[in-house]
Each structure stands twice: as C-alpha cells, then as structure tokens.
Amino acid sequence: MLFLGIFIMGWATYFYLRVNLGAGPRDGLMEVLVKKSNMPVWLIRSIIEGSVLIIRYFLGGP
C-alpha cells in the first residue's frame, strides 16, 4: 500500500510539473508584493502565511 501511494504521488507530481501550470495564488501574490514593495521575500511570505493562519483560525479551520 505504501509503495502504491508513493508511485501515485510520483506520477501526480510528474504530470503537475510537466504541464507548467505556474505558481499558485499565494506564490503569485508574493511575487507581486515583492516587486511592488521592494521588501525581502522571506518577510512577504511570512506575512502572507501568517495572515492565512489567522484567517483559518477565525473561520474554524484545523
């Protein structure tokens, strides 16, 4: 069962990377904010992830 799961995840990752879907919404937002604000990537990424964490908490997420 473990090997089947690893095999399926490997193929899924291959197909995801192969079609060049690009960055996700948070990655795209991070790129725009870094270019507009000239702040370091780590700070922008931390702010985005922290705000997502706070929003998830107040919405009752895990």
C-alpha atoms as a PDB file:
ATOM      1  CA  MET A   1       0.000   0.000   0.000  1.00  0.00           C
ATOM      2  CA  LEU A   2       2.820   2.388   0.855  1.00  0.00           C
ATOM      3  CA  PHE A   3       4.619   1.761  -2.423  1.00  0.00           C
ATOM      4  CA  LEU A   4       1.406   2.223  -4.377  1.00  0.00           C
ATOM      5  CA  GLY A   5       0.868   5.595  -2.672  1.00  0.00           C
ATOM      6  CA  ILE A   6       4.441   6.678  -3.398  1.00  0.00           C
ATOM      7  CA  PHE A   7       4.051   5.608  -7.024  1.00  0.00           C
ATOM      8  CA  ILE A   8       0.782   7.527  -7.453  1.00  0.00           C
ATOM      9  CA  MET A   9       2.198  10.666  -5.809  1.00  0.00           C
ATOM     10  CA  GLY A  10       5.278  10.449  -8.036  1.00  0.00           C
ATOM     11  CA  TRP A  11       3.178  10.284 -11.190  1.00  0.00           C
ATOM     12  CA  ALA A  12       0.907  13.087  -9.994  1.00  0.00           C
ATOM     13  CA  THR A  13       3.925  15.304  -9.295  1.00  0.00           C
ATOM     14  CA  TYR A  14       5.387  14.474 -12.690  1.00  0.00           C
ATOM     15  CA  PHE A  15       2.207  15.456 -14.508  1.00  0.00           C
ATOM     16  CA  TYR A  16       1.778  18.638 -12.438  1.00  0.00           C
ATOM     17  CA  LEU A  17       5.296  19.795 -13.222  1.00  0.00           C
ATOM     18  CA  ARG A  18       5.131  18.674 -16.840  1.00  0.00           C
ATOM     19  CA  VAL A  19       2.175  20.895 -17.835  1.00  0.00           C
ATOM     20  CA  ASN A  20       3.816  24.094 -16.490  1.00  0.00           C
ATOM     21  CA  LEU A  21       0.802  25.362 -14.570  1.00  0.00           C
ATOM     22  CA  GLY A  22       2.907  28.052 -12.943  1.00  0.00           C
ATOM     23  CA  ALA A  23       2.746  29.472  -9.465  1.00  0.00           C
ATOM     24  CA  GLY A  24      -0.245  29.128  -7.192  1.00  0.00           C
ATOM     25  CA  PRO A  25      -2.268  32.107  -5.962  1.00  0.00           C
ATOM     26  CA  ARG A  26      -0.176  32.742  -2.861  1.00  0.00           C
ATOM     27  CA  ASP A  27       3.055  32.446  -4.837  1.00  0.00           C
ATOM     28  CA  GLY A  28       1.773  34.896  -7.429  1.00  0.00           C
ATOM     29  CA  LEU A  29       0.698  37.343  -4.725  1.00  0.00           C
ATOM     30  CA  MET A  30       4.118  37.026  -3.114  1.00  0.00           C
ATOM     31  CA  GLU A  31       5.897  37.808  -6.385  1.00  0.00           C
ATOM     32  CA  VAL A  32       3.779  40.914  -6.995  1.00  0.00           C
ATOM     33  CA  LEU A  33       4.183  42.229  -3.455  1.00  0.00           C
ATOM     34  CA  VAL A  34       7.963  41.698  -3.523  1.00  0.00           C
ATOM     35  CA  LYS A  35       8.262  43.615  -6.801  1.00  0.00           C
ATOM     36  CA  LYS A  36       5.966  46.463  -5.679  1.00  0.00           C
ATOM     37  CA  SER A  37       7.278  46.909  -2.143  1.00  0.00           C
ATOM     38  CA  ASN A  38      10.991  46.029  -2.525  1.00  0.00           C
ATOM     39  CA  MET A  39      10.767  44.080   0.733  1.00  0.00           C
ATOM     40  CA  PRO A  40      12.581  40.755   1.195  1.00  0.00           C
ATOM     41  CA  VAL A  41      10.856  37.577   0.038  1.00  0.00           C
ATOM     42  CA  TRP A  42      11.016  35.957   3.479  1.00  0.00           C
ATOM     43  CA  LEU A  43       9.144  38.864   5.065  1.00  0.00           C
ATOM     44  CA  ILE A  44       6.387  38.974   2.443  1.00  0.00           C
ATOM     45  CA  ARG A  45       5.991  35.187   2.555  1.00  0.00           C
ATOM     46  CA  SER A  46       5.820  35.245   6.362  1.00  0.00           C
ATOM     47  CA  ILE A  47       3.134  37.945   6.311  1.00  0.00           C
ATOM     48  CA  ILE A  48       1.049  36.020   3.760  1.00  0.00           C
ATOM     49  CA  GLU A  49       1.347  32.695   5.603  1.00  0.00           C
ATOM     50  CA  GLY A  50       0.658  34.360   8.965  1.00  0.00           C
ATOM     51  CA  SER A  51      -2.462  36.071   7.678  1.00  0.00           C
ATOM     52  CA  VAL A  52      -3.701  32.793   6.178  1.00  0.00           C
ATOM     53  CA  LEU A  53      -3.124  31.097   9.535  1.00  0.00           C
ATOM     54  CA  ILE A  54      -5.093  33.780  11.398  1.00  0.00           C
ATOM     55  CA  ILE A  55      -7.959  33.690   8.895  1.00  0.00           C
ATOM     56  CA  ARG A  56      -8.121  29.884   9.122  1.00  0.00           C
ATOM     57  CA  TYR A  57      -8.289  30.084  12.898  1.00  0.00           C
ATOM     58  CA  PHE A  58     -11.186  32.550  12.928  1.00  0.00           C
ATOM     59  CA  LEU A  59     -13.071  30.566  10.303  1.00  0.00           C
ATOM     60  CA  GLY A  60     -12.791  27.445  12.466  1.00  0.00           C
ATOM     61  CA  GLY A  61     -10.281  25.577  10.320  1.00  0.00           C
ATOM     62  CA  PRO A  62      -7.861  22.955  11.611  1.00  0.00           C
END
